[in-house]
PDB file of N, CA and C in Angstrom:
ATOM      1  N   MET A   1      53.910 -83.854 273.788  1.00  0.00           N
ATOM      2  CA  MET A   1      54.081 -84.462 272.497  1.00  0.00           C
ATOM      3  C   MET A   1      55.366 -85.260 272.439  1.00  0.00           C
ATOM      4  N   ASN A   2      55.380 -86.041 271.468  1.00  0.00           N
ATOM      5  CA  ASN A   2      56.517 -86.913 271.240  1.00  0.00           C
ATOM      6  C   ASN A   2      57.666 -86.118 270.635  1.00  0.00           C
ATOM      7  N   GLN A   3      58.898 -86.536 270.889  1.00  0.00           N
ATOM      8  CA  GLN A   3      60.085 -85.856 270.373  1.00  0.00           C
ATOM      9  C   GLN A   3      60.123 -85.930 268.847  1.00  0.00           C
ATOM     10  N   LYS A   4      59.744 -87.078 268.268  1.00  0.00           N
ATOM     11  CA  LYS A   4      59.744 -87.235 266.805  1.00  0.00           C
ATOM     12  C   LYS A   4      58.732 -86.285 266.172  1.00  0.00           C
ATOM     13  N   ASN A   5      57.539 -86.204 266.724  1.00  0.00           N
ATOM     14  CA  ASN A   5      56.507 -85.327 266.179  1.00  0.00           C
ATOM     15  C   ASN A   5      56.930 -83.870 266.252  1.00  0.00           C
ATOM     16  N   LEU A   6      57.615 -83.497 267.291  1.00  0.00           N
ATOM     17  CA  LEU A   6      58.072 -82.125 267.459  1.00  0.00           C
ATOM     18  C   LEU A   6      59.127 -81.766 266.418  1.00  0.00           C
ATOM     19  N   SER A   7      60.059 -82.676 266.127  1.00  0.00           N
ATOM     20  CA  SER A   7      61.086 -82.394 265.121  1.00  0.00           C
ATOM     21  C   SER A   7      60.458 -82.370 263.720  1.00  0.00           C
ATOM     22  N   ARG A   8      59.434 -83.195 263.512  1.00  0.00           N
ATOM     23  CA  ARG A   8      58.741 -83.182 262.209  1.00  0.00           C
ATOM     24  C   ARG A   8      58.018 -81.855 262.003  1.00  0.00           C
ATOM     25  N   GLU A   9      57.383 -81.363 263.067  1.00  0.00           N
ATOM     26  CA  GLU A   9      56.674 -80.093 262.963  1.00  0.00           C
ATOM     27  C   GLU A   9      57.619 -78.946 262.642  1.00  0.00           C
ATOM     28  N   ARG A  10      58.829 -78.997 263.133  1.00  0.00           N
ATOM     29  CA  ARG A  10      59.825 -77.971 262.816  1.00  0.00           C
ATOM     30  C   ARG A  10      60.352 -78.166 261.393  1.00  0.00           C
ATOM     31  N   PHE A  11      60.448 -79.413 260.949  1.00  0.00           N
ATOM     32  CA  PHE A  11      61.041 -79.734 259.648  1.00  0.00           C
ATOM     33  C   PHE A  11      60.075 -79.435 258.497  1.00  0.00           C
ATOM     34  N   VAL A  12      58.762 -79.558 258.693  1.00  0.00           N
ATOM     35  CA  VAL A  12      57.765 -79.382 257.631  1.00  0.00           C
ATOM     36  C   VAL A  12      57.805 -77.970 257.051  1.00  0.00           C
ATOM     37  N   PRO A  13      57.823 -76.899 257.831  1.00  0.00           N
ATOM     38  CA  PRO A  13      57.879 -75.560 257.230  1.00  0.00           C
ATOM     39  C   PRO A  13      59.178 -75.335 256.446  1.00  0.00           C
ATOM     40  N   ALA A  14      60.271 -75.857 256.934  1.00  0.00           N
ATOM     41  CA  ALA A  14      61.545 -75.713 256.222  1.00  0.00           C
ATOM     42  C   ALA A  14      61.483 -76.476 254.889  1.00  0.00           C
ATOM     43  N   LEU A  15      60.874 -77.650 254.913  1.00  0.00           N
ATOM     44  CA  LEU A  15      60.724 -78.443 253.690  1.00  0.00           C
ATOM     45  C   LEU A  15      59.819 -77.720 252.699  1.00  0.00           C
ATOM     46  N   LYS A  16      58.719 -77.128 253.167  1.00  0.00           N
ATOM     47  CA  LYS A  16      57.830 -76.368 252.300  1.00  0.00           C
ATOM     48  C   LYS A  16      58.573 -75.183 251.686  1.00  0.00           C
ATOM     49  N   ALA A  17      59.327 -74.492 252.463  1.00  0.00           N
ATOM     50  CA  ALA A  17      60.081 -73.329 251.973  1.00  0.00           C
ATOM     51  C   ALA A  17      61.107 -73.779 250.928  1.00  0.00           C
ATOM     52  N   ALA A  18      61.763 -74.897 251.197  1.00  0.00           N
ATOM     53  CA  ALA A  18      62.752 -75.410 250.240  1.00  0.00           C
ATOM     54  C   ALA A  18      62.068 -75.816 248.938  1.00  0.00           C
ATOM     55  N   MET A  19      60.900 -76.449 249.024  1.00  0.00           N
ATOM     56  CA  MET A  19      60.173 -76.853 247.827  1.00  0.00           C
ATOM     57  C   MET A  19      59.709 -75.628 247.032  1.00  0.00           C
ATOM     58  N   ILE A  20      59.226 -74.613 247.734  1.00  0.00           N
ATOM     59  CA  ILE A  20      58.801 -73.381 247.055  1.00  0.00           C
ATOM     60  C   ILE A  20      59.988 -72.738 246.342  1.00  0.00           C
ATOM     61  N   CYS A  21      61.130 -72.689 247.001  1.00  0.00           N
ATOM     62  CA  CYS A  21      62.342 -72.125 246.377  1.00  0.00           C
ATOM     63  C   CYS A  21      62.762 -72.951 245.171  1.00  0.00           C
ATOM     64  N   LEU A  22      62.708 -74.272 245.286  1.00  0.00           N
ATOM     65  CA  LEU A  22      63.094 -75.159 244.192  1.00  0.00           C
ATOM     66  C   LEU A  22      62.168 -74.978 242.987  1.00  0.00           C
ATOM     67  N   VAL A  23      60.869 -74.918 243.232  1.00  0.00           N
ATOM     68  CA  VAL A  23      59.906 -74.728 242.146  1.00  0.00           C
ATOM     69  C   VAL A  23      60.101 -73.360 241.498  1.00  0.00           C
ATOM     70  N   THR A  24      60.316 -72.325 242.308  1.00  0.00           N
ATOM     71  CA  THR A  24      60.524 -70.975 241.790  1.00  0.00           C
ATOM     72  C   THR A  24      61.784 -70.921 240.928  1.00  0.00           C
ATOM     73  N   CYS A  25      62.856 -71.550 241.391  1.00  0.00           N
ATOM     74  CA  CYS A  25      64.094 -71.580 240.610  1.00  0.00           C
ATOM     75  C   CYS A  25      63.895 -72.350 239.298  1.00  0.00           C
ATOM     76  N   ALA A  26      63.187 -73.461 239.368  1.00  0.00           N
ATOM     77  CA  ALA A  26      62.937 -74.255 238.156  1.00  0.00           C
ATOM     78  C   ALA A  26      62.113 -73.444 237.159  1.00  0.00           C
ATOM     79  N   LEU A  27      61.095 -72.747 237.634  1.00  0.00           N
ATOM     80  CA  LEU A  27      60.286 -71.913 236.743  1.00  0.00           C
ATOM     81  C   LEU A  27      61.112 -70.774 236.144  1.00  0.00           C
ATOM     82  N   GLY A  28      61.969 -70.179 236.950  1.00  0.00           N
ATOM     83  CA  GLY A  28      62.845 -69.104 236.456  1.00  0.00           C
ATOM     84  C   GLY A  28      63.796 -69.612 235.386  1.00  0.00           C
ATOM     85  N   LEU A  29      64.398 -70.774 235.633  1.00  0.00           N
ATOM     86  CA  LEU A  29      65.311 -71.350 234.644  1.00  0.00           C
ATOM     87  C   LEU A  29      64.566 -71.716 233.365  1.00  0.00           C
ATOM     88  N   GLY A  30      63.350 -72.249 233.501  1.00  0.00           N
ATOM     89  CA  GLY A  30      62.540 -72.563 232.332  1.00  0.00           C
ATOM     90  C   GLY A  30      62.209 -71.323 231.521  1.00  0.00           C
ATOM     91  N   TYR A  31      61.894 -70.230 232.215  1.00  0.00           N
ATOM     92  CA  TYR A  31      61.592 -68.969 231.537  1.00  0.00           C
ATOM     93  C   TYR A  31      62.801 -68.451 230.772  1.00  0.00           C
ATOM     94  N   VAL A  32      63.954 -68.467 231.417  1.00  0.00           N
ATOM     95  CA  VAL A  32      65.186 -67.992 230.774  1.00  0.00           C
ATOM     96  C   VAL A  32      65.534 -68.874 229.577  1.00  0.00           C
ATOM     97  N   TRP A  33      65.387 -70.186 229.716  1.00  0.00           N
ATOM     98  CA  TRP A  33      65.689 -71.104 228.612  1.00  0.00           C
ATOM     99  C   TRP A  33      64.769 -70.839 227.422  1.00  0.00           C
ATOM    100  N   GLN A  34      63.463 -70.639 227.708  1.00  0.00           N
ATOM    101  CA  GLN A  34      62.519 -70.362 226.630  1.00  0.00           C
ATOM    102  C   GLN A  34      62.852 -69.045 225.929  1.00  0.00           C
ATOM    103  N   LYS A  35      63.218 -68.039 226.677  1.00  0.00           N
ATOM    104  CA  LYS A  35      63.592 -66.756 226.077  1.00  0.00           C
ATOM    105  C   LYS A  35      64.818 -66.932 225.188  1.00  0.00           C
ATOM    106  N   GLN A  36      65.769 -67.732 225.634  1.00  0.00           N
ATOM    107  CA  GLN A  36      66.972 -67.986 224.842  1.00  0.00           C
ATOM    108  C   GLN A  36      66.597 -68.717 223.547  1.00  0.00           C
ATOM    109  N   GLN A  37      65.717 -69.700 223.629  1.00  0.00           N
ATOM    110  CA  GLN A  37      65.281 -70.440 222.448  1.00  0.00           C
ATOM    111  C   GLN A  37      64.551 -69.521 221.465  1.00  0.00           C
ATOM    112  N   ILE A  38      63.706 -68.636 221.982  1.00  0.00           N
ATOM    113  CA  ILE A  38      62.981 -67.695 221.130  1.00  0.00           C
ATOM    114  C   ILE A  38      63.961 -66.784 220.399  1.00  0.00           C
ATOM    115  N   ALA A  39      64.964 -66.288 221.110  1.00  0.00           N
ATOM    116  CA  ALA A  39      65.962 -65.419 220.476  1.00  0.00           C
ATOM    117  C   ALA A  39      66.750 -66.183 219.419  1.00  0.00           C
ATOM    118  N   LYS A  40      67.127 -67.414 219.728  1.00  0.00           N
ATOM    119  CA  LYS A  40      67.880 -68.250 218.791  1.00  0.00           C
ATOM    120  C   LYS A  40      67.062 -68.526 217.532  1.00  0.00           C
ATOM    121  N   LEU A  41      65.794 -68.888 217.696  1.00  0.00           N
ATOM    122  CA  LEU A  41      64.926 -69.153 216.549  1.00  0.00           C
ATOM    123  C   LEU A  41      64.663 -67.881 215.739  1.00  0.00           C
ATOM    124  N   GLY A  42      64.588 -66.754 216.412  1.00  0.00           N
ATOM    125  CA  GLY A  42      64.419 -65.479 215.713  1.00  0.00           C
ATOM    126  C   GLY A  42      65.612 -65.172 214.821  1.00  0.00           C
ATOM    127  N   GLU A  43      66.812 -65.402 215.337  1.00  0.00           N
ATOM    128  CA  GLU A  43      68.023 -65.193 214.533  1.00  0.00           C
ATOM    129  C   GLU A  43      68.052 -66.148 213.345  1.00  0.00           C
ATOM    130  N   GLU A  44      67.674 -67.397 213.563  1.00  0.00           N
ATOM    131  CA  GLU A  44      67.664 -68.385 212.478  1.00  0.00           C
ATOM    132  C   GLU A  44      66.642 -67.992 211.411  1.00  0.00           C
ATOM    133  N   MET A  45      65.473 -67.517 211.843  1.00  0.00           N
ATOM    134  CA  MET A  45      64.471 -67.062 210.877  1.00  0.00           C
ATOM    135  C   MET A  45      64.986 -65.896 210.054  1.00  0.00           C
ATOM    136  N   LYS A  46      65.671 -64.975 210.711  1.00  0.00           N
ATOM    137  CA  LYS A  46      66.212 -63.811 210.004  1.00  0.00           C
ATOM    138  C   LYS A  46      67.231 -64.251 208.958  1.00  0.00           C
ATOM    139  N   LYS A  47      68.111 -65.180 209.321  1.00  0.00           N
ATOM    140  CA  LYS A  47      69.115 -65.678 208.370  1.00  0.00           C
ATOM    141  C   LYS A  47      68.435 -66.364 207.191  1.00  0.00           C
ATOM    142  N   ARG A  48      67.421 -67.157 207.458  1.00  0.00           N
ATOM    143  CA  ARG A  48      66.727 -67.871 206.379  1.00  0.00           C
ATOM    144  C   ARG A  48      65.967 -66.906 205.472  1.00  0.00           C
ATOM    145  N   GLU A  49      65.379 -65.864 206.061  1.00  0.00           N
ATOM    146  CA  GLU A  49      64.686 -64.867 205.243  1.00  0.00           C
ATOM    147  C   GLU A  49      65.672 -64.122 204.353  1.00  0.00           C
ATOM    148  N   GLU A  50      66.853 -63.803 204.896  1.00  0.00           N
ATOM    149  CA  GLU A  50      67.880 -63.140 204.092  1.00  0.00           C
ATOM    150  C   GLU A  50      68.335 -64.054 202.961  1.00  0.00           C
ATOM    151  N   HIS A  51      68.491 -65.337 203.259  1.00  0.00           N
ATOM    152  CA  HIS A  51      68.899 -66.302 202.228  1.00  0.00           C
ATOM    153  C   HIS A  51      67.815 -66.420 201.155  1.00  0.00           C
ATOM    154  N   LEU A  52      66.550 -66.441 201.579  1.00  0.00           N
ATOM    155  CA  LEU A  52      65.441 -66.514 200.637  1.00  0.00           C
ATOM    156  C   LEU A  52      65.417 -65.271 199.741  1.00  0.00           C
ATOM    157  N   THR A  53      65.649 -64.106 200.316  1.00  0.00           N
ATOM    158  CA  THR A  53      65.692 -62.873 199.534  1.00  0.00           C
ATOM    159  C   THR A  53      66.818 -62.927 198.513  1.00  0.00           C
ATOM    160  N   ALA A  54      67.983 -63.420 198.934  1.00  0.00           N
ATOM    161  CA  ALA A  54      69.111 -63.542 198.007  1.00  0.00           C
ATOM    162  C   ALA A  54      68.793 -64.520 196.883  1.00  0.00           C
ATOM    163  N   LEU A  55      68.142 -65.641 197.212  1.00  0.00           N
ATOM    164  CA  LEU A  55      67.767 -66.613 196.189  1.00  0.00           C
ATOM    165  C   LEU A  55      66.744 -66.035 195.218  1.00  0.00           C
ATOM    166  N   ARG A  56      65.810 -65.254 195.728  1.00  0.00           N
ATOM    167  CA  ARG A  56      64.818 -64.625 194.846  1.00  0.00           C
ATOM    168  C   ARG A  56      65.483 -63.627 193.903  1.00  0.00           C
ATOM    169  N   GLN A  57      66.451 -62.867 194.415  1.00  0.00           N
ATOM    170  CA  GLN A  57      67.166 -61.919 193.564  1.00  0.00           C
ATOM    171  C   GLN A  57      67.960 -62.657 192.493  1.00  0.00           C
ATOM    172  N   GLU A  58      68.600 -63.754 192.880  1.00  0.00           N
ATOM    173  CA  GLU A  58      69.363 -64.546 191.926  1.00  0.00           C
ATOM    174  C   GLU A  58      68.439 -65.150 190.867  1.00  0.00           C
ATOM    175  N   ASP A  59      67.280 -65.635 191.299  1.00  0.00           N
ATOM    176  CA  ASP A  59      66.303 -66.197 190.370  1.00  0.00           C
ATOM    177  C   ASP A  59      65.825 -65.134 189.387  1.00  0.00           C
ATOM    178  N   LYS A  60      65.562 -63.926 189.881  1.00  0.00           N
ATOM    179  CA  LYS A  60      65.126 -62.834 189.012  1.00  0.00           C
ATOM    180  C   LYS A  60      66.226 -62.499 188.004  1.00  0.00           C
ATOM    181  N   ARG A  61      67.459 -62.481 188.464  1.00  0.00           N
ATOM    182  CA  ARG A  61      68.586 -62.180 187.570  1.00  0.00           C
ATOM    183  C   ARG A  61      68.687 -63.231 186.471  1.00  0.00           C
ATOM    184  N   TYR A  62      68.558 -64.502 186.841  1.00  0.00           N
ATOM    185  CA  TYR A  62      68.635 -65.567 185.842  1.00  0.00           C
ATOM    186  C   TYR A  62      67.448 -65.515 184.876  1.00  0.00           C
ATOM    187  N   ASN A  63      66.273 -65.190 185.388  1.00  0.00           N
ATOM    188  CA  ASN A  63      65.109 -65.057 184.510  1.00  0.00           C
ATOM    189  C   ASN A  63      65.287 -63.904 183.530  1.00  0.00           C
ATOM    190  N   ASP A  64      65.889 -62.804 184.002  1.00  0.00           N
ATOM    191  CA  ASP A  64      66.162 -61.679 183.106  1.00  0.00           C
ATOM    192  C   ASP A  64      67.159 -62.074 182.020  1.00  0.00           C
ATOM    193  N   ILE A  65      68.193 -62.813 182.404  1.00  0.00           N
ATOM    194  CA  ILE A  65      69.185 -63.278 181.427  1.00  0.00           C
ATOM    195  C   ILE A  65      68.526 -64.211 180.416  1.00  0.00           C
ATOM    196  N   LEU A  66      67.683 -65.120 180.897  1.00  0.00           N
ATOM    197  CA  LEU A  66      66.995 -66.050 180.009  1.00  0.00           C
ATOM    198  C   LEU A  66      66.082 -65.307 179.034  1.00  0.00           C
ATOM    199  N   ALA A  67      65.352 -64.322 179.538  1.00  0.00           N
ATOM    200  CA  ALA A  67      64.474 -63.543 178.664  1.00  0.00           C
ATOM    201  C   ALA A  67      65.291 -62.813 177.608  1.00  0.00           C
ATOM    202  N   GLN A  68      66.438 -62.288 178.003  1.00  0.00           N
ATOM    203  CA  GLN A  68      67.301 -61.588 177.050  1.00  0.00           C
ATOM    204  C   GLN A  68      67.829 -62.565 175.998  1.00  0.00           C
ATOM    205  N   LEU A  69      68.241 -63.751 176.428  1.00  0.00           N
ATOM    206  CA  LEU A  69      68.770 -64.732 175.473  1.00  0.00           C
ATOM    207  C   LEU A  69      67.689 -65.253 174.529  1.00  0.00           C
ATOM    208  N   LYS A  70      66.445 -65.253 174.971  1.00  0.00           N
ATOM    209  CA  LYS A  70      65.357 -65.749 174.131  1.00  0.00           C
ATOM    210  C   LYS A  70      64.811 -64.680 173.187  1.00  0.00           C
ATOM    211  N   SER A  71      65.225 -63.439 173.344  1.00  0.00           N
ATOM    212  CA  SER A  71      64.678 -62.362 172.524  1.00  0.00           C
ATOM    213  C   SER A  71      65.068 -62.564 171.059  1.00  0.00           C
ATOM    214  N   PRO A  72      64.192 -62.181 170.139  1.00  0.00           N
ATOM    215  CA  PRO A  72      64.488 -62.356 168.710  1.00  0.00           C
ATOM    216  C   PRO A  72      65.767 -61.639 168.280  1.00  0.00           C
ATOM    217  N   GLN A  73      66.028 -60.469 168.855  1.00  0.00           N
ATOM    218  CA  GLN A  73      67.248 -59.729 168.488  1.00  0.00           C
ATOM    219  C   GLN A  73      68.492 -60.529 168.860  1.00  0.00           C
ATOM    220  N   MET A  74      68.496 -61.099 170.066  1.00  0.00           N
ATOM    221  CA  MET A  74      69.656 -61.869 170.520  1.00  0.00           C
ATOM    222  C   MET A  74      69.812 -63.139 169.686  1.00  0.00           C
ATOM    223  N   LEU A  75      68.707 -63.806 169.402  1.00  0.00           N
ATOM    224  CA  LEU A  75      68.781 -65.021 168.590  1.00  0.00           C
ATOM    225  C   LEU A  75      69.309 -64.712 167.197  1.00  0.00           C
ATOM    226  N   ASP A  76      68.863 -63.607 166.621  1.00  0.00           N
ATOM    227  CA  ASP A  76      69.344 -63.200 165.300  1.00  0.00           C
ATOM    228  C   ASP A  76      70.843 -62.885 165.353  1.00  0.00           C
ATOM    229  N   GLN A  77      71.248 -62.162 166.384  1.00  0.00           N
ATOM    230  CA  GLN A  77      72.665 -61.806 166.533  1.00  0.00           C
ATOM    231  C   GLN A  77      73.526 -63.062 166.686  1.00  0.00           C
ATOM    232  N   LEU A  78      73.090 -64.011 167.501  1.00  0.00           N
ATOM    233  CA  LEU A  78      73.864 -65.239 167.703  1.00  0.00           C
ATOM    234  C   LEU A  78      73.919 -66.075 166.429  1.00  0.00           C
ATOM    235  N   ALA A  79      72.818 -66.099 165.679  1.00  0.00           N
ATOM    236  CA  ALA A  79      72.807 -66.843 164.418  1.00  0.00           C
ATOM    237  C   ALA A  79      73.813 -66.242 163.444  1.00  0.00           C
ATOM    238  N   ARG A  80      73.919 -64.902 163.433  1.00  0.00           N
ATOM    239  CA  ARG A  80      74.904 -64.256 162.560  1.00  0.00           C
ATOM    240  C   ARG A  80      76.322 -64.515 163.049  1.00  0.00           C
ATOM    241  N   GLU A  81      76.544 -64.453 164.370  1.00  0.00           N
ATOM    242  CA  GLU A  81      77.890 -64.686 164.920  1.00  0.00           C
ATOM    243  C   GLU A  81      78.362 -66.105 164.632  1.00  0.00           C
ATOM    244  N   TRP A  82      77.467 -67.056 164.728  1.00  0.00           N
ATOM    245  CA  TRP A  82      77.838 -68.459 164.531  1.00  0.00           C
ATOM    246  C   TRP A  82      77.736 -68.881 163.061  1.00  0.00           C
ATOM    247  N   ARG A  83      77.395 -67.913 162.220  1.00  0.00           N
ATOM    248  CA  ARG A  83      77.303 -68.130 160.767  1.00  0.00           C
ATOM    249  C   ARG A  83      76.430 -69.350 160.439  1.00  0.00           C
ATOM    250  N   LEU A  84      75.221 -69.322 160.956  1.00  0.00           N
ATOM    251  CA  LEU A  84      74.293 -70.437 160.732  1.00  0.00           C
ATOM    252  C   LEU A  84      73.547 -70.308 159.403  1.00  0.00           C
ATOM    253  N   ASN A  85      73.622 -69.126 158.778  1.00  0.00           N
ATOM    254  CA  ASN A  85      72.943 -68.868 157.506  1.00  0.00           C
ATOM    255  C   ASN A  85      71.457 -69.219 157.580  1.00  0.00           C
ATOM    256  N   LEU A  86      70.828 -68.786 158.620  1.00  0.00           N
ATOM    257  CA  LEU A  86      69.396 -69.021 158.780  1.00  0.00           C
ATOM    258  C   LEU A  86      68.621 -67.953 158.037  1.00  0.00           C
ATOM    259  N   GLU A  87      67.488 -68.334 157.474  1.00  0.00           N
ATOM    260  CA  GLU A  87      66.618 -67.381 156.794  1.00  0.00           C
ATOM    261  C   GLU A  87      65.182 -67.768 157.066  1.00  0.00           C
ATOM    262  N   VAL A  88      64.285 -66.838 156.803  1.00  0.00           N
ATOM    263  CA  VAL A  88      62.866 -67.062 157.045  1.00  0.00           C
ATOM    264  C   VAL A  88      62.370 -68.118 156.053  1.00  0.00           C
ATOM    265  N   PRO A  89      61.617 -69.126 156.495  1.00  0.00           N
ATOM    266  CA  PRO A  89      61.133 -70.157 155.563  1.00  0.00           C
ATOM    267  C   PRO A  89      60.061 -69.604 154.626  1.00  0.00           C
ATOM    268  N   LYS A  90      59.990 -70.185 153.449  1.00  0.00           N
ATOM    269  CA  LYS A  90      58.955 -69.807 152.482  1.00  0.00           C
ATOM    270  C   LYS A  90      57.638 -70.432 152.947  1.00  0.00           C
ATOM    271  N   PRO A  91      56.517 -69.835 152.557  1.00  0.00           N
ATOM    272  CA  PRO A  91      55.224 -70.369 153.022  1.00  0.00           C
ATOM    273  C   PRO A  91      55.018 -71.835 152.665  1.00  0.00           C
ATOM    274  N   GLN A  92      55.504 -72.304 151.512  1.00  0.00           N
ATOM    275  CA  GLN A  92      55.316 -73.706 151.147  1.00  0.00           C
ATOM    276  C   GLN A  92      56.209 -74.650 151.961  1.00  0.00           C
ATOM    277  N   GLN A  93      57.196 -74.089 152.684  1.00  0.00           N
ATOM    278  CA  GLN A  93      58.059 -74.919 153.526  1.00  0.00           C
ATOM    279  C   GLN A  93      57.482 -75.116 154.939  1.00  0.00           C
ATOM    280  N   VAL A  94      56.458 -74.371 155.279  1.00  0.00           N
ATOM    281  CA  VAL A  94      55.873 -74.432 156.618  1.00  0.00           C
ATOM    282  C   VAL A  94      54.798 -75.518 156.645  1.00  0.00           C
ATOM    283  N   VAL A  95      54.908 -76.435 157.590  1.00  0.00           N
ATOM    284  CA  VAL A  95      53.914 -77.494 157.778  1.00  0.00           C
ATOM    285  C   VAL A  95      53.223 -77.241 159.113  1.00  0.00           C
ATOM    286  N   VAL A  96      51.911 -77.143 159.070  1.00  0.00           N
ATOM    287  CA  VAL A  96      51.140 -76.912 160.299  1.00  0.00           C
ATOM    288  C   VAL A  96      50.544 -78.241 160.724  1.00  0.00           C
ATOM    289  N   ALA A  97      50.891 -78.695 161.897  1.00  0.00           N
ATOM    290  CA  ALA A  97      50.375 -79.959 162.426  1.00  0.00           C
ATOM    291  C   ALA A  97      49.072 -79.688 163.161  1.00  0.00           C
ATOM    292  N   PRO A  98      48.071 -80.537 162.960  1.00  0.00           N
ATOM    293  CA  PRO A  98      46.804 -80.319 163.681  1.00  0.00           C
ATOM    294  C   PRO A  98      46.992 -80.581 165.177  1.00  0.00           C
ATOM    295  N   GLU A  99      46.259 -79.851 165.935  1.00  0.00           N
ATOM    296  CA  GLU A  99      46.308 -79.993 167.392  1.00  0.00           C
ATOM    297  C   GLU A  99      45.666 -81.318 167.776  1.00  0.00           C
ATOM    298  N   PRO A 100      46.356 -82.189 168.527  1.00  0.00           N
ATOM    299  CA  PRO A 100      45.754 -83.466 168.912  1.00  0.00           C
ATOM    300  C   PRO A 100      44.609 -83.245 169.897  1.00  0.00           C
ATOM    301  N   THR A 101      43.595 -84.078 169.767  1.00  0.00           N
ATOM    302  CA  THR A 101      42.450 -84.002 170.678  1.00  0.00           C
ATOM    303  C   THR A 101      42.477 -85.212 171.602  1.00  0.00           C
ATOM    304  N   ALA A 102      41.612 -85.223 172.563  1.00  0.00           N
ATOM    305  CA  ALA A 102      41.531 -86.357 173.487  1.00  0.00           C
ATOM    306  C   ALA A 102      41.114 -87.608 172.726  1.00  0.00           C
ATOM    307  N   GLU A 103      40.327 -87.439 171.711  1.00  0.00           N
ATOM    308  CA  GLU A 103      39.870 -88.561 170.896  1.00  0.00           C
ATOM    309  C   GLU A 103      41.048 -89.238 170.195  1.00  0.00           C
ATOM    310  N   THR A 104      42.041 -88.480 169.800  1.00  0.00           N
ATOM    311  CA  THR A 104      43.210 -89.024 169.115  1.00  0.00           C
ATOM    312  C   THR A 104      43.924 -90.050 169.985  1.00  0.00           C
ATOM    313  N   PHE A 105      43.961 -89.802 171.278  1.00  0.00           N
ATOM    314  CA  PHE A 105      44.693 -90.683 172.183  1.00  0.00           C
ATOM    315  C   PHE A 105      43.868 -91.878 172.651  1.00  0.00           C
ATOM    316  N   THR A 106      42.553 -91.824 172.498  1.00  0.00           N
ATOM    317  CA  THR A 106      41.718 -92.900 173.031  1.00  0.00           C
ATOM    318  C   THR A 106      41.329 -93.937 171.984  1.00  0.00           C
ATOM    319  N   ARG A 107      41.385 -93.603 170.733  1.00  0.00           N
ATOM    320  CA  ARG A 107      40.979 -94.591 169.727  1.00  0.00           C
ATOM    321  C   ARG A 107      42.096 -95.619 169.514  1.00  0.00           C
ATOM    322  N   PRO A 108      41.731 -96.825 169.075  1.00  0.00           N
ATOM    323  CA  PRO A 108      42.737 -97.889 168.887  1.00  0.00           C
ATOM    324  C   PRO A 108      43.689 -97.558 167.740  1.00  0.00           C
ATOM    325  N   LEU A 109      44.853 -98.223 167.749  1.00  0.00           N
ATOM    326  CA  LEU A 109      45.872 -97.973 166.741  1.00  0.00           C
ATOM    327  C   LEU A 109      45.380 -98.315 165.334  1.00  0.00           C
ATOM    328  N   ARG A 110      44.609 -99.358 165.171  1.00  0.00           N
ATOM    329  CA  ARG A 110      44.114 -99.742 163.833  1.00  0.00           C
ATOM    330  C   ARG A 110      43.288 -98.626 163.222  1.00  0.00           C
ATOM    331  N   ALA A 111      42.437 -98.005 164.028  1.00  0.00           N
ATOM    332  CA  ALA A 111      41.593 -96.937 163.516  1.00  0.00           C
ATOM    333  C   ALA A 111      42.437 -95.719 163.170  1.00  0.00           C
ATOM    334  N   ALA A 112      43.507 -95.496 163.911  1.00  0.00           N
ATOM    335  CA  ALA A 112      44.372 -94.339 163.662  1.00  0.00           C
ATOM    336  C   ALA A 112      45.171 -94.517 162.393  1.00  0.00           C
ATOM    337  N   SER A 113      45.503 -95.745 162.002  1.00  0.00           N
ATOM    338  CA  SER A 113      46.335 -95.983 160.826  1.00  0.00           C
ATOM    339  C   SER A 113      45.543 -95.924 159.522  1.00  0.00           C
ATOM    340  N   ARG A 114      44.221 -95.943 159.582  1.00  0.00           N
ATOM    341  CA  ARG A 114      43.374 -95.913 158.368  1.00  0.00           C
ATOM    342  C   ARG A 114      43.409 -94.600 157.688  1.00  0.00           C
TER     343      ARG A 114
END
């Protein structure tokens, strides 16, 4: 055989072994990188869930405060504190407006003014 062919035959198995090692190392590094990304995303999800829980608690607290401020007892107390002199209206002072219908909004202005 030729000298070149003989050196190639010796070089091919070494090249195959080097390629196998390179591919194995690349796959190992890819696996480790993916595991690191999964752990990082898991921590970020945990932080966001904790933040969401805190926001929900804050929202509940504000809703409770709003409900308390809207209660008739609180409104009466604030009216007395601010000396608004509010009293219950007499029946003749109450005006009940009719509920608008879809027809009210679709008819022309001239017909509505009649």
